[in-house]
C-alpha atoms as a PDB file:
ATOM      1  CA  MET A   1     -59.798 -29.075-154.959  1.00  0.00           C
ATOM      2  CA  ARG A   2     -56.376 -29.616-156.720  1.00  0.00           C
ATOM      3  CA  ASP A   3     -55.446 -25.946-156.106  1.00  0.00           C
ATOM      4  CA  LEU A   4     -56.274 -25.931-152.485  1.00  0.00           C
ATOM      5  CA  ARG A   5     -53.282 -28.230-151.696  1.00  0.00           C
ATOM      6  CA  ILE A   6     -51.100 -25.085-152.297  1.00  0.00           C
ATOM      7  CA  PHE A   7     -52.369 -23.796-148.733  1.00  0.00           C
ATOM      8  CA  ARG A   8     -50.547 -26.760-147.334  1.00  0.00           C
ATOM      9  CA  ILE A   9     -47.332 -25.478-148.752  1.00  0.00           C
ATOM     10  CA  PHE A  10     -47.868 -21.595-148.022  1.00  0.00           C
ATOM     11  CA  GLU A  11     -49.339 -21.936-144.690  1.00  0.00           C
ATOM     12  CA  GLY A  12     -49.101 -18.446-143.190  1.00  0.00           C
ATOM     13  CA  THR A  13     -48.311 -16.924-146.580  1.00  0.00           C
ATOM     14  CA  ASN A  14     -48.390 -13.277-145.441  1.00  0.00           C
ATOM     15  CA  ASP A  15     -45.406 -13.927-142.965  1.00  0.00           C
ATOM     16  CA  ILE A  16     -43.559 -16.135-145.482  1.00  0.00           C
ATOM     17  CA  LEU A  17     -43.603 -13.820-148.431  1.00  0.00           C
ATOM     18  CA  ARG A  18     -42.446 -10.994-146.349  1.00  0.00           C
ATOM     19  CA  LEU A  19     -39.448 -12.853-145.376  1.00  0.00           C
ATOM     20  CA  PHE A  20     -39.151 -13.662-148.827  1.00  0.00           C
ATOM     21  CA  ILE A  21     -39.314  -9.847-149.821  1.00  0.00           C
ATOM     22  CA  SER A  22     -36.612  -9.060-147.324  1.00  0.00           C
ATOM     23  CA  LEU A  23     -34.392 -11.587-147.762  1.00  0.00           C
ATOM     24  CA  THR A  24     -34.256 -11.188-151.521  1.00  0.00           C
ATOM     25  CA  GLY A  25     -33.461  -7.705-151.323  1.00  0.00           C
ATOM     26  CA  LEU A  26     -30.508  -8.329-148.783  1.00  0.00           C
ATOM     27  CA  GLN A  27     -28.931 -10.754-151.062  1.00  0.00           C
ATOM     28  CA  ASN A  28     -28.613  -8.016-153.845  1.00  0.00           C
ATOM     29  CA  ALA A  29     -27.367  -5.428-150.931  1.00  0.00           C
ATOM     30  CA  GLY A  30     -25.029  -8.199-149.608  1.00  0.00           C
ATOM     31  CA  LYS A  31     -23.154  -8.559-152.897  1.00  0.00           C
ATOM     32  CA  HIS A  32     -22.921  -4.802-153.049  1.00  0.00           C
ATOM     33  CA  LEU A  33     -21.197  -4.698-149.614  1.00  0.00           C
ATOM     34  CA  LYS A  34     -18.863  -7.534-150.833  1.00  0.00           C
ATOM     35  CA  GLU A  35     -17.791  -5.327-153.770  1.00  0.00           C
ATOM     36  CA  LEU A  36     -17.195  -2.246-151.260  1.00  0.00           C
ATOM     37  CA  GLN A  37     -14.971  -4.606-149.149  1.00  0.00           C
ATOM     38  CA  LYS A  38     -12.895  -5.289-152.102  1.00  0.00           C
ATOM     39  CA  ALA A  39     -12.639  -1.578-153.069  1.00  0.00           C
ATOM     40  CA  PHE A  40     -11.400  -0.788-149.441  1.00  0.00           C
ATOM     41  CA  LYS A  41      -8.678  -3.648-149.970  1.00  0.00           C
ATOM     42  CA  ASN A  42      -7.231  -1.560-152.828  1.00  0.00           C
ATOM     43  CA  PRO A  43      -7.852   2.142-151.685  1.00  0.00           C
ATOM     44  CA  GLY A  44      -5.610   3.552-154.237  1.00  0.00           C
ATOM     45  CA  GLY A  45      -7.384   1.983-157.238  1.00  0.00           C
ATOM     46  CA  ASN A  46     -10.806   2.768-155.776  1.00  0.00           C
ATOM     47  CA  PHE A  47     -10.370   6.219-154.440  1.00  0.00           C
ATOM     48  CA  GLY A  48     -13.586   7.689-155.974  1.00  0.00           C
ATOM     49  CA  THR A  49     -15.715   4.737-154.965  1.00  0.00           C
ATOM     50  CA  ILE A  50     -14.454   5.157-151.217  1.00  0.00           C
ATOM     51  CA  MET A  51     -14.814   9.006-151.081  1.00  0.00           C
ATOM     52  CA  ASP A  52     -18.497   8.564-152.458  1.00  0.00           C
ATOM     53  CA  ILE A  53     -19.317   6.231-149.656  1.00  0.00           C
ATOM     54  CA  VAL A  54     -17.435   8.386-146.831  1.00  0.00           C
ATOM     55  CA  ASN A  55     -19.204  11.682-148.188  1.00  0.00           C
ATOM     56  CA  LYS A  56     -22.676   9.908-148.136  1.00  0.00           C
ATOM     57  CA  ARG A  57     -21.900   8.655-144.419  1.00  0.00           C
ATOM     58  CA  ALA A  58     -20.648  11.988-143.222  1.00  0.00           C
ATOM     59  CA  LYS A  59     -23.866  13.787-144.751  1.00  0.00           C
ATOM     60  CA  ARG A  60     -26.039  11.044-143.016  1.00  0.00           C
ATOM     61  CA  MET A  61     -24.073  11.876-139.606  1.00  0.00           C
ATOM     62  CA  VAL A  62     -24.922  15.622-139.646  1.00  0.00           C
ATOM     63  CA  GLY A  63     -28.381  15.089-140.823  1.00  0.00           C
ATOM     64  CA  VAL A  64     -27.745  16.285-144.683  1.00  0.00           C
ATOM     65  CA  SER A  65     -29.747  14.117-147.190  1.00  0.00           C
ATOM     66  CA  SER A  66     -27.860  12.358-150.049  1.00  0.00           C
ATOM     67  CA  ALA A  67     -30.738  10.982-151.635  1.00  0.00           C
ATOM     68  CA  PRO A  68     -31.231  11.376-155.296  1.00  0.00           C
ATOM     69  CA  SER A  69     -34.046  13.715-156.422  1.00  0.00           C
ATOM     70  CA  LEU A  70     -37.231  12.149-158.154  1.00  0.00           C
ATOM     71  CA  ASP A  71     -38.516  15.502-159.092  1.00  0.00           C
ATOM     72  CA  GLN A  72     -37.691  15.117-162.783  1.00  0.00           C
ATOM     73  CA  TYR A  73     -39.754  11.963-162.775  1.00  0.00           C
ATOM     74  CA  VAL A  74     -42.913  13.378-161.272  1.00  0.00           C
ATOM     75  CA  HIS A  75     -45.580  16.128-161.854  1.00  0.00           C
ATOM     76  CA  PRO A  76     -44.491  19.547-160.596  1.00  0.00           C
ATOM     77  CA  SER A  77     -47.403  19.365-157.962  1.00  0.00           C
ATOM     78  CA  MET A  78     -46.147  15.739-156.519  1.00  0.00           C
ATOM     79  CA  LYS A  79     -42.524  17.256-155.905  1.00  0.00           C
ATOM     80  CA  ASP A  80     -43.221  17.204-151.867  1.00  0.00           C
ATOM     81  CA  SER A  81     -44.333  13.663-152.152  1.00  0.00           C
ATOM     82  CA  ALA A  82     -41.454  12.812-154.214  1.00  0.00           C
ATOM     83  CA  GLY A  83     -39.086  14.309-151.814  1.00  0.00           C
ATOM     84  CA  LYS A  84     -40.814  12.100-148.938  1.00  0.00           C
ATOM     85  CA  THR A  85     -40.418   9.104-151.129  1.00  0.00           C
ATOM     86  CA  ALA A  86     -36.643   9.663-151.934  1.00  0.00           C
ATOM     87  CA  LYS A  87     -35.906  10.203-148.170  1.00  0.00           C
ATOM     88  CA  ALA A  88     -37.648   6.974-147.553  1.00  0.00           C
ATOM     89  CA  ILE A  89     -35.531   5.160-149.934  1.00  0.00           C
ATOM     90  CA  GLU A  90     -32.201   6.781-148.698  1.00  0.00           C
ATOM     91  CA  ASP A  91     -33.064   5.743-145.024  1.00  0.00           C
ATOM     92  CA  PHE A  92     -34.063   2.393-146.129  1.00  0.00           C
ATOM     93  CA  GLY A  93     -30.739   1.735-147.773  1.00  0.00           C
ATOM     94  CA  PHE A  94     -28.770   2.862-144.910  1.00  0.00           C
ATOM     95  CA  SER A  95     -30.757   0.485-142.655  1.00  0.00           C
ATOM     96  CA  VAL A  96     -30.199  -2.319-144.909  1.00  0.00           C
ATOM     97  CA  GLU A  97     -26.574  -1.761-144.761  1.00  0.00           C
ATOM     98  CA  ASP A  98     -26.410  -1.390-141.124  1.00  0.00           C
ATOM     99  CA  LEU A  99     -28.383  -4.747-140.669  1.00  0.00           C
ATOM    100  CA  LEU A 100     -25.998  -6.633-142.882  1.00  0.00           C
ATOM    101  CA  ILE A 101     -22.718  -5.168-141.212  1.00  0.00           C
ATOM    102  CA  LYS A 102     -24.381  -5.989-137.845  1.00  0.00           C
ATOM    103  CA  HIS A 103     -25.706  -9.726-138.466  1.00  0.00           C
ATOM    104  CA  GLY A 104     -24.192 -10.717-141.606  1.00  0.00           C
ATOM    105  CA  LYS A 105     -25.290 -14.163-142.704  1.00  0.00           C
ATOM    106  CA  LYS A 106     -27.097 -14.696-139.398  1.00  0.00           C
ATOM    107  CA  ILE A 107     -29.592 -12.002-140.676  1.00  0.00           C
ATOM    108  CA  VAL A 108     -31.719 -15.058-141.916  1.00  0.00           C
ATOM    109  CA  ASP A 109     -32.233 -15.863-138.286  1.00  0.00           C
ATOM    110  CA  GLN A 110     -33.528 -12.253-137.272  1.00  0.00           C
ATOM    111  CA  GLN A 111     -37.104 -12.796-138.447  1.00  0.00           C
ATOM    112  CA  PHE A 112     -38.689 -10.134-136.406  1.00  0.00           C
ATOM    113  CA  LEU A 113     -36.412  -7.556-138.057  1.00  0.00           C
ATOM    114  CA  LEU A 114     -36.893  -8.884-141.464  1.00  0.00           C
ATOM    115  CA  TRP A 115     -40.510  -8.458-140.816  1.00  0.00           C
ATOM    116  CA  ARG A 116     -40.085  -4.702-140.250  1.00  0.00           C
ATOM    117  CA  LEU A 117     -37.846  -4.412-143.278  1.00  0.00           C
ATOM    118  CA  ALA A 118     -40.382  -5.980-145.513  1.00  0.00           C
ATOM    119  CA  GLU A 119     -43.095  -3.573-144.211  1.00  0.00           C
ATOM    120  CA  ALA A 120     -41.096  -0.686-145.096  1.00  0.00           C
ATOM    121  CA  THR A 121     -40.207  -2.210-148.615  1.00  0.00           C
ATOM    122  CA  ILE A 122     -43.986  -2.625-149.348  1.00  0.00           C
ATOM    123  CA  ASP A 123     -44.760   0.983-148.615  1.00  0.00           C
ATOM    124  CA  ILE A 124     -41.824   2.139-150.630  1.00  0.00           C
ATOM    125  CA  TYR A 125     -43.090   0.329-153.542  1.00  0.00           C
ATOM    126  CA  GLY A 126     -46.764   1.656-152.874  1.00  0.00           C
ATOM    127  CA  MET A 127     -45.208   5.122-152.779  1.00  0.00           C
ATOM    128  CA  VAL A 128     -43.354   4.845-156.049  1.00  0.00           C
ATOM    129  CA  ALA A 129     -46.234   3.161-157.780  1.00  0.00           C
ATOM    130  CA  THR A 130     -48.914   5.901-156.722  1.00  0.00           C
ATOM    131  CA  LEU A 131     -46.860   8.782-157.359  1.00  0.00           C
ATOM    132  CA  SER A 132     -46.066   7.293-161.037  1.00  0.00           C
ATOM    133  CA  LYS A 133     -49.921   6.851-161.489  1.00  0.00           C
ATOM    134  CA  SER A 134     -50.838   9.929-160.198  1.00  0.00           C
ATOM    135  CA  SER A 135     -48.139  11.915-162.297  1.00  0.00           C
ATOM    136  CA  LYS A 136     -49.150  10.334-165.378  1.00  0.00           C
ATOM    137  CA  SER A 137     -52.949  11.363-164.796  1.00  0.00           C
ATOM    138  CA  LEU A 138     -51.795  15.041-163.927  1.00  0.00           C
ATOM    139  CA  SER A 139     -49.505  15.280-167.102  1.00  0.00           C
ATOM    140  CA  ASP A 140     -52.082  13.963-169.510  1.00  0.00           C
ATOM    141  CA  GLY A 141     -54.889  15.953-167.962  1.00  0.00           C
ATOM    142  CA  ILE A 142     -57.169  13.024-167.168  1.00  0.00           C
ATOM    143  CA  GLU A 143     -60.419  13.570-165.757  1.00  0.00           C
ATOM    144  CA  GLY A 144     -60.049  13.152-161.907  1.00  0.00           C
ATOM    145  CA  ALA A 145     -56.476  13.539-161.899  1.00  0.00           C
ATOM    146  CA  ASP A 146     -56.658  16.130-158.856  1.00  0.00           C
ATOM    147  CA  TYR A 147     -58.703  13.353-156.924  1.00  0.00           C
ATOM    148  CA  GLU A 148     -55.786  11.190-157.745  1.00  0.00           C
ATOM    149  CA  ALA A 149     -53.089  13.146-156.545  1.00  0.00           C
ATOM    150  CA  LYS A 150     -55.013  13.870-153.372  1.00  0.00           C
ATOM    151  CA  LEU A 151     -54.912  10.247-152.584  1.00  0.00           C
ATOM    152  CA  CYS A 152     -51.458   9.832-153.628  1.00  0.00           C
ATOM    153  CA  LYS A 153     -50.353  12.542-150.979  1.00  0.00           C
ATOM    154  CA  VAL A 154     -52.299  11.009-148.293  1.00  0.00           C
ATOM    155  CA  PHE A 155     -50.870   7.635-149.052  1.00  0.00           C
ATOM    156  CA  VAL A 156     -47.130   8.894-149.300  1.00  0.00           C
ATOM    157  CA  ASN A 157     -47.682  10.992-146.037  1.00  0.00           C
ATOM    158  CA  GLU A 158     -48.895   7.813-144.026  1.00  0.00           C
ATOM    159  CA  ALA A 159     -46.489   5.434-145.599  1.00  0.00           C
ATOM    160  CA  SER A 160     -43.561   7.849-144.918  1.00  0.00           C
ATOM    161  CA  THR A 161     -44.597   7.561-141.247  1.00  0.00           C
ATOM    162  CA  ARG A 162     -45.031   3.850-141.317  1.00  0.00           C
ATOM    163  CA  ILE A 163     -41.409   3.553-142.948  1.00  0.00           C
ATOM    164  CA  THR A 164     -39.705   5.749-140.257  1.00  0.00           C
ATOM    165  CA  LYS A 165     -41.306   3.947-137.563  1.00  0.00           C
ATOM    166  CA  ASN A 166     -40.602   0.501-138.902  1.00  0.00           C
ATOM    167  CA  LEU A 167     -36.958   1.404-139.723  1.00  0.00           C
ATOM    168  CA  ALA A 168     -36.569   3.016-136.015  1.00  0.00           C
ATOM    169  CA  TYR A 169     -37.751  -0.169-134.737  1.00  0.00           C
ATOM    170  CA  LEU A 170     -34.360  -1.790-136.314  1.00  0.00           C
ATOM    171  CA  LYS A 171     -32.196  -0.104-133.868  1.00  0.00           C
ATOM    172  CA  SER A 172     -34.823   0.264-130.761  1.00  0.00           C
ATOM    173  CA  SER A 173     -33.727  -1.061-127.605  1.00  0.00           C
ATOM    174  CA  THR A 174     -37.339  -1.577-126.440  1.00  0.00           C
ATOM    175  CA  GLU A 175     -37.846  -3.421-129.714  1.00  0.00           C
ATOM    176  CA  LYS A 176     -34.801  -5.632-129.034  1.00  0.00           C
ATOM    177  CA  GLU A 177     -36.404  -6.268-125.486  1.00  0.00           C
ATOM    178  CA  ASN A 178     -39.788  -7.201-127.172  1.00  0.00           C
ATOM    179  CA  ILE A 179     -38.241  -9.690-129.473  1.00  0.00           C
ATOM    180  CA  GLU A 180     -36.243 -11.692-126.472  1.00  0.00           C
ATOM    181  CA  SER A 181     -39.556 -11.655-124.755  1.00  0.00           C
ATOM    182  CA  LEU A 182     -41.395 -12.946-127.536  1.00  0.00           C
ATOM    183  CA  LYS A 183     -38.606 -15.771-128.228  1.00  0.00           C
ATOM    184  CA  ASP A 184     -38.868 -16.726-124.587  1.00  0.00           C
ATOM    185  CA  ALA A 185     -42.770 -16.947-124.850  1.00  0.00           C
ATOM    186  CA  SER A 186     -42.553 -18.940-128.060  1.00  0.00           C
ATOM    187  CA  LYS A 187     -40.103 -21.531-126.365  1.00  0.00           C
ATOM    188  CA  SER A 188     -42.441 -21.832-123.484  1.00  0.00           C
ATOM    189  CA  VAL A 189     -45.431 -22.663-125.621  1.00  0.00           C
ATOM    190  CA  ILE A 190     -43.315 -25.168-127.667  1.00  0.00           C
ATOM    191  CA  GLU A 191     -42.316 -26.940-124.663  1.00  0.00           C
ATOM    192  CA  ARG A 192     -45.586 -27.033-123.001  1.00  0.00           C
ATOM    193  CA  GLY A 193     -47.247 -27.911-126.279  1.00  0.00           C
ATOM    194  CA  SER A 194     -50.082 -25.548-125.523  1.00  0.00           C
ATOM    195  CA  VAL A 195     -50.558 -22.070-124.170  1.00  0.00           C
ATOM    196  CA  VAL A 196     -48.963 -21.380-120.947  1.00  0.00           C
ATOM    197  CA  GLN A 197     -51.561 -19.232-119.320  1.00  0.00           C
ATOM    198  CA  ARG A 198     -54.807 -20.342-117.691  1.00  0.00           C
ATOM    199  CA  HIS A 199     -57.972 -19.724-119.498  1.00  0.00           C
ATOM    200  CA  PRO A 200     -59.878 -16.833-117.969  1.00  0.00           C
ATOM    201  CA  VAL A 201     -63.071 -18.964-117.197  1.00  0.00           C
ATOM    202  CA  GLY A 202     -60.918 -21.955-115.790  1.00  0.00           C
ATOM    203  CA  PHE A 203     -60.606 -24.408-118.782  1.00  0.00           C
END
């Protein structure tokens, strides 16, 4: 009974932990952006750093990936999945930067966007973990390694699709409209103290 008290503190645990995941990661990314701001204030002394940023942004604009290769860390048969994982990490990094540049400290109030970001984070973690496990099994010749590899490829493919969708939502005008509608609906429920619509059988 003593341990059950935690539920009063962590009510809605999944939502809370997703916000924790997003905000913890954004905090570290925010520190990195501050360092970049300092670099731009002294371009002569930080020319290499600035050019690296410019090159990455330029490649992104023309659709050329600048993601670091993960091939050296995985079994040769898993290179395709490693490429998708690297691409997801790269897209995630740019999305985080865009959110911080746009919202700054007010990002803490963008819970719908943070939820999407957390979903992508969780999927990337899963991709890396399954790739690592599968590659280890293949390299060691463990029985059932091919079976693990098939499951890993399926997971990476599906996770890659989910990540692309969740990151796209961060910039979607439709998603923005949905968020505003949900905010208005929430305010109406709070003001009324109950659901706004009538019960379908008249209660």
